[in-house]
Amino acid sequence: MVILGPTGSGKTTLINLIAGILRPDNGKIILNDIEIINQPIEQRKVGYVFQDPSLFPHLNVYNNILFGLRRKERESKEKIATIKKIIDDLDVDHLLNRKIDELSGGEKQKISLARILVLNPNVILLDEPLSHIDLLARDRLRIELRSILKKQQIPTIYVTHFEEDIYALADSIAFLNRGKIEERGTLEEILNLSTRSSSPFFNKIISAGNYVTGEVTKCENNLTEFKVGLNMLYTIGTFKPKSKIGVIVKHEDILLCKEKIKTSARNIVFAKIMDMVMVKEDNMIDVYLKSGKMNIVSRITRSASEDLGIVIGDYVYAVFKASIPYLIREEYNERIL
């Protein structure tokens, strides 16, 4: 579950309550059918990955990973096999003999996660673990992280203020604002909600771009074809056939036309206009489109909509280049929600 909310909404407070760092004024916290409010931190079996990796600089990477284990656990054949699998899943075996100060920010967070995973917690809590990592590393680790957590099959709560984390990581989502959950559901349910939500914060985040998922059908010369319902779309990059990818397409990057035109753009989607909503502060109009199972929004100027003469119920061509879709999720052998 990804919990998204603005600064001060209560995200960190919420997971600190679950971890036992804070005690609630009232209510209950139940983990695996057990009330844990009166349990000390060390008995809760809750793994916590902080914004800043809390690693020991005097230990190398391998000993940091093993730090929370007793000596007998470290020496058991079963535990050694588990540790090796976790190291392989996180792809950090080449780092094991390094010092902590030799690691990048993304590598440090992987080691923090490995140290938690070897303890086999009941739940993992991640408090904006990508916030202090440079943009390029953040994008790469965001995609890797879902695969890592899925392999471990440990329930995870991930708090963030980055909307990209929703699309890259979430099975389910909760929008938290001023200590209150304003929207909650699976990724699919949230994306299908009306944009006229009661939450301004939700509306702002969910309207940032179109999230489109599909199955890769073909890849040649760094151009990937993927199927979304009955539509074939294209994106730049090399991805394995049969893999599932999720991409972001910005609203303003989708052009609309009434007639099919000759263009170098690879993506041309014939769609019905379902709604048109004025974006008052920008004098723009969001045009809500549906093509089979595919729902997208194009943001155009008010004058452009008048020139096109489009109204709700019309059919138009939505056009965008293969360089426009931005990869946010890639996974194998499972359906993207």
Protein backbone atom coordinates (compact mmCIF):
# COMPACT_ATOMS: atom_id res chain seq x y z
CA MET A 1 0.00 0.00 0.00
CA VAL A 2 1.25 3.46 -0.94
CA ILE A 3 0.09 6.24 1.37
CA LEU A 4 0.33 9.60 -0.35
CA GLY A 5 -0.10 12.96 1.30
CA PRO A 6 1.29 16.50 1.49
CA THR A 7 3.91 17.50 4.05
CA GLY A 8 2.34 17.51 7.51
CA SER A 9 -0.57 15.23 6.58
CA GLY A 10 0.42 12.60 9.16
CA LYS A 11 2.17 10.00 7.01
CA THR A 12 5.23 9.54 9.20
CA THR A 13 3.14 9.77 12.37
CA LEU A 14 0.98 6.91 11.11
CA ILE A 15 3.85 4.50 10.50
CA ASN A 16 5.60 5.60 13.71
CA LEU A 17 2.46 4.46 15.57
CA ILE A 18 2.59 1.07 13.85
CA ALA A 19 6.30 0.71 14.61
CA GLY A 20 5.84 1.65 18.27
CA ILE A 21 7.93 4.82 18.15
CA LEU A 22 4.78 6.76 19.08
CA ARG A 23 1.84 5.67 21.22
CA PRO A 24 -1.72 6.52 20.12
CA ASP A 25 -4.05 8.56 22.34
CA ASN A 26 -6.82 6.05 21.64
CA GLY A 27 -7.88 3.32 19.22
CA LYS A 28 -6.22 0.02 18.33
CA ILE A 29 -3.42 -1.24 16.13
CA ILE A 30 -3.91 -4.87 15.10
CA LEU A 31 -1.20 -6.86 13.33
CA ASN A 32 -1.92 -10.48 12.35
CA ASP A 33 -5.03 -10.45 14.58
CA ILE A 34 -2.99 -9.30 17.61
CA GLU A 35 -3.41 -5.94 19.37
CA ILE A 36 0.14 -4.52 19.48
CA ILE A 37 -0.23 -1.14 21.21
CA ASN A 38 1.24 -2.50 24.46
CA GLN A 39 3.97 -4.52 22.74
CA PRO A 40 7.50 -3.07 22.90
CA ILE A 41 9.12 -2.18 19.57
CA GLU A 42 11.42 -5.20 19.54
CA GLN A 43 8.51 -7.67 19.83
CA ARG A 44 6.41 -6.28 16.97
CA LYS A 45 8.55 -7.69 14.14
CA VAL A 46 8.08 -4.51 12.14
CA GLY A 47 10.78 -3.53 9.63
CA TYR A 48 11.34 0.21 9.20
CA VAL A 49 13.32 1.86 6.38
CA PHE A 50 13.86 5.57 7.07
CA GLN A 51 14.40 8.51 4.69
CA ASP A 52 18.09 8.54 5.65
CA PRO A 53 19.69 5.08 5.67
CA SER A 54 20.72 4.23 9.27
CA LEU A 55 23.77 2.11 8.48
CA PHE A 56 26.87 1.54 10.63
CA PRO A 57 29.94 3.18 9.03
CA HIS A 58 32.41 0.95 10.92
CA LEU A 59 30.92 -2.22 9.37
CA ASN A 60 31.10 -3.30 5.74
CA VAL A 61 27.97 -3.91 3.71
CA TYR A 62 27.68 -7.63 4.50
CA ASN A 63 27.99 -7.11 8.25
CA ASN A 64 25.44 -4.31 8.10
CA ILE A 65 22.99 -6.72 6.48
CA LEU A 66 23.59 -9.35 9.19
CA PHE A 67 23.58 -6.90 12.10
CA GLY A 68 20.16 -7.78 13.55
CA LEU A 69 20.72 -11.55 13.51
CA ARG A 70 21.93 -13.66 16.42
CA ARG A 71 25.12 -15.67 15.88
CA LYS A 72 23.20 -18.97 15.70
CA GLU A 73 20.92 -17.54 13.02
CA ARG A 74 23.87 -16.36 10.96
CA GLU A 75 25.35 -19.85 10.97
CA SER A 76 22.22 -21.88 10.19
CA LYS A 77 22.08 -23.33 6.68
CA GLU A 78 18.46 -22.24 6.23
CA LYS A 79 19.21 -18.64 7.18
CA ILE A 80 22.34 -18.52 5.02
CA ALA A 81 20.22 -19.61 2.03
CA THR A 82 17.63 -16.92 2.84
CA ILE A 83 20.31 -14.24 3.12
CA LYS A 84 21.81 -15.27 -0.22
CA LYS A 85 18.40 -15.08 -1.91
CA ILE A 86 17.76 -11.60 -0.52
CA ILE A 87 21.20 -10.42 -1.64
CA ASP A 88 20.53 -11.86 -5.11
CA ASP A 89 17.03 -10.34 -5.30
CA LEU A 90 18.40 -6.90 -4.43
CA ASP A 91 21.40 -7.38 -6.76
CA VAL A 92 23.91 -6.22 -4.12
CA ASP A 93 26.33 -9.16 -4.02
CA HIS A 94 29.03 -7.02 -5.69
CA LEU A 95 28.79 -4.54 -2.80
CA LEU A 96 29.24 -6.91 0.16
CA ASN A 97 32.86 -6.03 0.98
CA ARG A 98 32.51 -2.28 0.48
CA LYS A 99 32.46 0.37 3.18
CA ILE A 100 29.24 2.28 3.70
CA ASP A 101 30.76 5.62 2.67
CA GLU A 102 31.62 4.10 -0.72
CA LEU A 103 27.95 3.56 -1.60
CA SER A 104 25.55 5.77 -3.53
CA GLY A 105 22.27 6.89 -1.93
CA GLY A 106 20.28 4.25 -3.81
CA GLU A 107 22.74 1.50 -2.81
CA LYS A 108 22.51 2.52 0.85
CA GLN A 109 18.73 2.23 0.75
CA LYS A 110 19.01 -1.24 -0.79
CA ILE A 111 21.30 -2.30 2.06
CA SER A 112 18.87 -0.83 4.61
CA LEU A 113 16.09 -2.89 3.03
CA ALA A 114 18.25 -6.04 2.95
CA ARG A 115 18.98 -5.69 6.68
CA ILE A 116 15.23 -5.54 7.34
CA LEU A 117 14.37 -8.46 5.04
CA VAL A 118 16.79 -10.93 6.66
CA LEU A 119 14.84 -10.49 9.91
CA ASN A 120 11.63 -11.73 8.19
CA PRO A 121 9.33 -9.00 9.56
CA ASN A 122 5.53 -9.22 9.67
CA VAL A 123 5.27 -5.90 7.84
CA ILE A 124 7.69 -3.42 6.26
CA LEU A 125 7.32 0.35 6.68
CA LEU A 126 9.09 2.67 4.24
CA ASP A 127 9.19 6.39 5.03
CA GLU A 128 9.90 8.23 1.75
CA PRO A 129 13.06 6.16 1.14
CA LEU A 130 13.72 7.76 -2.26
CA SER A 131 13.38 11.41 -1.23
CA HIS A 132 17.12 12.04 -0.73
CA ILE A 133 18.30 10.17 -3.83
CA ASP A 134 19.19 11.91 -7.10
CA LEU A 135 16.52 11.88 -9.80
CA LEU A 136 18.12 9.31 -12.14
CA ALA A 137 18.81 6.81 -9.35
CA ARG A 138 15.34 7.42 -7.91
CA ASP A 139 13.62 6.52 -11.19
CA ARG A 140 15.67 3.33 -11.54
CA LEU A 141 15.27 2.19 -7.92
CA ARG A 142 11.54 2.97 -7.96
CA ILE A 143 11.03 0.39 -10.73
CA GLU A 144 13.32 -2.17 -9.04
CA LEU A 145 11.70 -1.77 -5.64
CA ARG A 146 8.32 -3.21 -6.60
CA SER A 147 9.96 -6.31 -8.07
CA ILE A 148 12.07 -6.77 -4.92
CA LEU A 149 9.10 -6.46 -2.55
CA LYS A 150 6.90 -8.74 -4.66
CA LYS A 151 9.55 -11.46 -4.54
CA GLN A 152 9.71 -11.24 -0.74
CA GLN A 153 5.89 -11.38 -0.32
CA ILE A 154 5.93 -9.28 2.85
CA PRO A 155 3.10 -6.75 3.34
CA THR A 156 4.49 -3.25 2.89
CA ILE A 157 3.30 0.26 3.69
CA TYR A 158 5.12 2.95 1.73
CA VAL A 159 4.57 6.63 2.51
CA THR A 160 5.49 9.34 0.03
CA HIS A 161 4.65 12.72 -1.47
CA PHE A 162 5.82 11.70 -4.97
CA GLU A 163 2.88 10.90 -7.24
CA GLU A 164 5.18 8.73 -9.41
CA ASP A 165 5.42 6.25 -6.52
CA ILE A 166 1.72 5.46 -6.92
CA TYR A 167 2.12 4.20 -10.45
CA ALA A 168 5.47 2.49 -9.92
CA LEU A 169 4.74 0.66 -6.68
CA ALA A 170 1.12 0.53 -5.58
CA ASP A 171 -1.30 -2.36 -5.45
CA SER A 172 -3.50 -0.17 -3.26
CA ILE A 173 -3.46 3.52 -2.37
CA ALA A 174 -4.60 5.75 0.49
CA PHE A 175 -4.64 9.55 0.22
CA LEU A 176 -3.95 11.09 3.62
CA ASN A 177 -4.63 14.74 4.39
CA ARG A 178 -4.60 16.37 7.86
CA GLY A 179 -4.67 12.98 9.52
CA LYS A 180 -7.68 11.74 7.57
CA ILE A 181 -7.83 9.21 4.71
CA GLU A 182 -9.75 11.04 1.96
CA GLU A 183 -9.61 8.39 -0.77
CA ARG A 184 -8.66 4.72 -0.67
CA GLY A 185 -8.71 1.79 -3.10
CA THR A 186 -6.73 -0.34 -5.51
CA LEU A 187 -4.68 1.46 -8.15
CA GLU A 188 -7.31 0.55 -10.72
CA GLU A 189 -10.17 1.85 -8.55
CA ILE A 190 -8.39 5.12 -7.81
CA LEU A 191 -7.61 5.80 -11.47
CA ASN A 192 -11.26 5.17 -12.39
CA LEU A 193 -12.61 7.57 -9.76
CA SER A 194 -14.29 10.73 -10.95
CA THR A 195 -11.90 13.68 -11.04
CA ARG A 196 -14.53 15.59 -9.10
CA SER A 197 -13.34 14.11 -5.83
CA SER A 198 -13.94 15.82 -2.49
CA SER A 199 -10.16 16.04 -2.06
CA PRO A 200 -8.34 18.93 -3.81
CA PHE A 201 -5.04 17.21 -3.04
CA PHE A 202 -6.27 14.01 -4.69
CA ASN A 203 -7.46 15.92 -7.75
CA LYS A 204 -4.12 17.67 -8.15
CA ILE A 205 -2.10 14.46 -7.94
CA ILE A 206 -4.30 12.22 -10.04
CA SER A 207 -4.53 14.82 -12.82
CA ALA A 208 -0.75 15.00 -13.30
CA GLY A 209 -0.77 12.61 -16.27
CA ASN A 210 -2.27 9.54 -17.91
CA TYR A 211 -1.18 6.18 -16.54
CA VAL A 212 -1.41 3.57 -19.30
CA THR A 213 -0.57 -0.12 -18.91
CA GLY A 214 -0.17 -2.83 -21.50
CA GLU A 215 1.59 -6.00 -22.60
CA VAL A 216 4.71 -5.81 -24.75
CA THR A 217 4.12 -7.52 -28.10
CA LYS A 218 7.25 -6.62 -30.07
CA CYS A 219 10.56 -4.80 -29.69
CA GLU A 220 12.87 -3.80 -32.55
CA ASN A 221 15.61 -1.16 -32.84
CA ASN A 222 14.84 0.38 -29.43
CA LEU A 223 11.16 0.77 -30.31
CA THR A 224 8.66 -1.21 -28.23
CA GLU A 225 5.11 -2.03 -29.27
CA PHE A 226 2.62 -2.73 -26.48
CA LYS A 227 -1.05 -3.62 -26.48
CA VAL A 228 -3.64 -1.66 -24.49
CA GLY A 229 -7.02 -3.28 -25.05
CA LEU A 230 -7.49 -3.18 -28.84
CA ASN A 231 -4.96 -0.36 -29.28
CA MET A 232 -1.33 -0.85 -30.24
CA LEU A 233 0.93 1.83 -28.77
CA TYR A 234 4.65 2.52 -29.09
CA THR A 235 7.35 3.75 -26.75
CA ILE A 236 11.09 4.23 -26.98
CA GLY A 237 13.12 1.55 -25.16
CA THR A 238 13.84 -2.15 -25.09
CA PHE A 239 11.47 -4.34 -23.07
CA LYS A 240 10.87 -8.08 -23.08
CA PRO A 241 7.88 -9.43 -25.03
CA LYS A 242 5.05 -10.57 -22.73
CA SER A 243 6.26 -8.24 -19.97
CA LYS A 244 3.79 -5.73 -18.55
CA ILE A 245 4.74 -2.08 -18.66
CA GLY A 246 3.14 1.03 -17.23
CA VAL A 247 3.85 4.44 -18.74
CA ILE A 248 2.92 8.04 -18.01
CA VAL A 249 1.69 10.22 -20.87
CA LYS A 250 1.34 13.89 -19.97
CA HIS A 251 -2.02 15.44 -20.77
CA GLU A 252 -0.52 18.35 -22.68
CA ASP A 253 1.51 16.02 -24.95
CA ILE A 254 -1.60 14.51 -26.56
CA LEU A 255 -2.76 16.36 -29.68
CA LEU A 256 -6.34 16.10 -30.95
CA CYS A 257 -7.68 16.21 -34.50
CA LYS A 258 -11.05 15.50 -36.10
CA GLU A 259 -9.58 13.79 -39.17
CA LYS A 260 -6.74 11.27 -39.39
CA ILE A 261 -3.59 13.10 -40.45
CA LYS A 262 -0.21 12.15 -41.89
CA THR A 263 2.30 12.42 -39.06
CA SER A 264 5.59 10.98 -37.85
CA ALA A 265 3.92 10.30 -34.48
CA ARG A 266 3.56 6.54 -33.90
CA ASN A 267 0.59 6.67 -31.55
CA ILE A 268 -2.79 7.46 -33.08
CA VAL A 269 -5.82 6.50 -30.96
CA PHE A 270 -9.41 6.83 -32.21
CA ALA A 271 -11.47 7.78 -29.15
CA LYS A 272 -14.81 9.13 -28.00
CA ILE A 273 -15.04 12.37 -25.99
CA MET A 274 -16.67 11.48 -22.68
CA ASP A 275 -16.34 14.83 -20.92
CA MET A 276 -14.76 18.30 -21.22
CA VAL A 277 -13.72 20.14 -18.07
CA MET A 278 -12.42 23.71 -17.87
CA VAL A 279 -9.11 24.17 -16.01
CA LYS A 280 -9.89 27.69 -14.80
CA GLU A 281 -6.48 28.82 -13.60
CA ASP A 282 -4.80 28.04 -16.95
CA ASN A 283 -7.67 28.74 -19.38
CA MET A 284 -7.22 25.15 -20.58
CA ILE A 285 -9.70 22.35 -21.17
CA ASP A 286 -9.25 18.71 -20.15
CA VAL A 287 -10.81 16.44 -22.76
CA TYR A 288 -11.67 13.00 -21.34
CA LEU A 289 -11.34 10.27 -23.96
CA LYS A 290 -12.29 6.60 -24.09
CA SER A 291 -11.09 4.03 -26.61
CA GLY A 292 -12.18 0.53 -25.60
CA LYS A 293 -10.62 -0.12 -22.18
CA MET A 294 -8.23 2.81 -22.56
CA ASN A 295 -9.05 6.08 -20.79
CA ILE A 296 -6.86 9.13 -21.37
CA VAL A 297 -7.07 12.89 -20.95
CA SER A 298 -5.80 15.51 -23.39
CA ARG A 299 -5.25 19.06 -22.14
CA ILE A 300 -5.72 21.68 -24.85
CA THR A 301 -6.29 25.42 -24.92
CA ARG A 302 -9.79 26.79 -24.95
CA SER A 303 -9.16 28.38 -28.36
CA ALA A 304 -7.96 25.02 -29.75
CA SER A 305 -11.19 23.32 -28.64
CA GLU A 306 -13.20 26.09 -30.31
CA ASP A 307 -11.19 25.78 -33.52
CA LEU A 308 -11.76 22.00 -33.53
CA GLY A 309 -15.45 22.50 -32.77
CA ILE A 310 -15.53 19.44 -30.53
CA VAL A 311 -18.29 18.55 -28.07
CA ILE A 312 -19.02 15.64 -25.73
CA GLY A 313 -19.89 12.55 -27.78
CA ASP A 314 -17.66 13.40 -30.74
CA TYR A 315 -14.96 11.03 -31.97
CA VAL A 316 -11.42 12.35 -32.41
CA TYR A 317 -7.91 11.11 -33.05
CA ALA A 318 -5.51 11.42 -30.09
CA VAL A 319 -1.93 11.68 -31.34
CA PHE A 320 1.41 11.51 -29.50
CA LYS A 321 4.97 10.50 -30.36
CA ALA A 322 6.68 7.28 -29.25
CA SER A 323 9.15 9.41 -27.28
CA ILE A 324 6.33 10.76 -25.09
CA PRO A 325 5.40 7.72 -22.89
CA TYR A 326 7.60 7.68 -19.78
CA LEU A 327 8.25 4.23 -18.27
CA ILE A 328 7.19 4.00 -14.63
CA ARG A 329 6.59 0.25 -14.10
CA GLU A 330 7.89 -2.96 -15.63
CA GLU A 331 7.12 -6.43 -14.36
CA TYR A 332 6.86 -10.05 -15.38
CA ASN A 333 4.46 -12.94 -14.75
CA GLU A 334 1.82 -10.84 -13.01
CA ARG A 335 -0.99 -8.56 -14.05
CA ILE A 336 -0.55 -4.84 -13.58
CA LEU A 337 -3.41 -3.51 -11.52
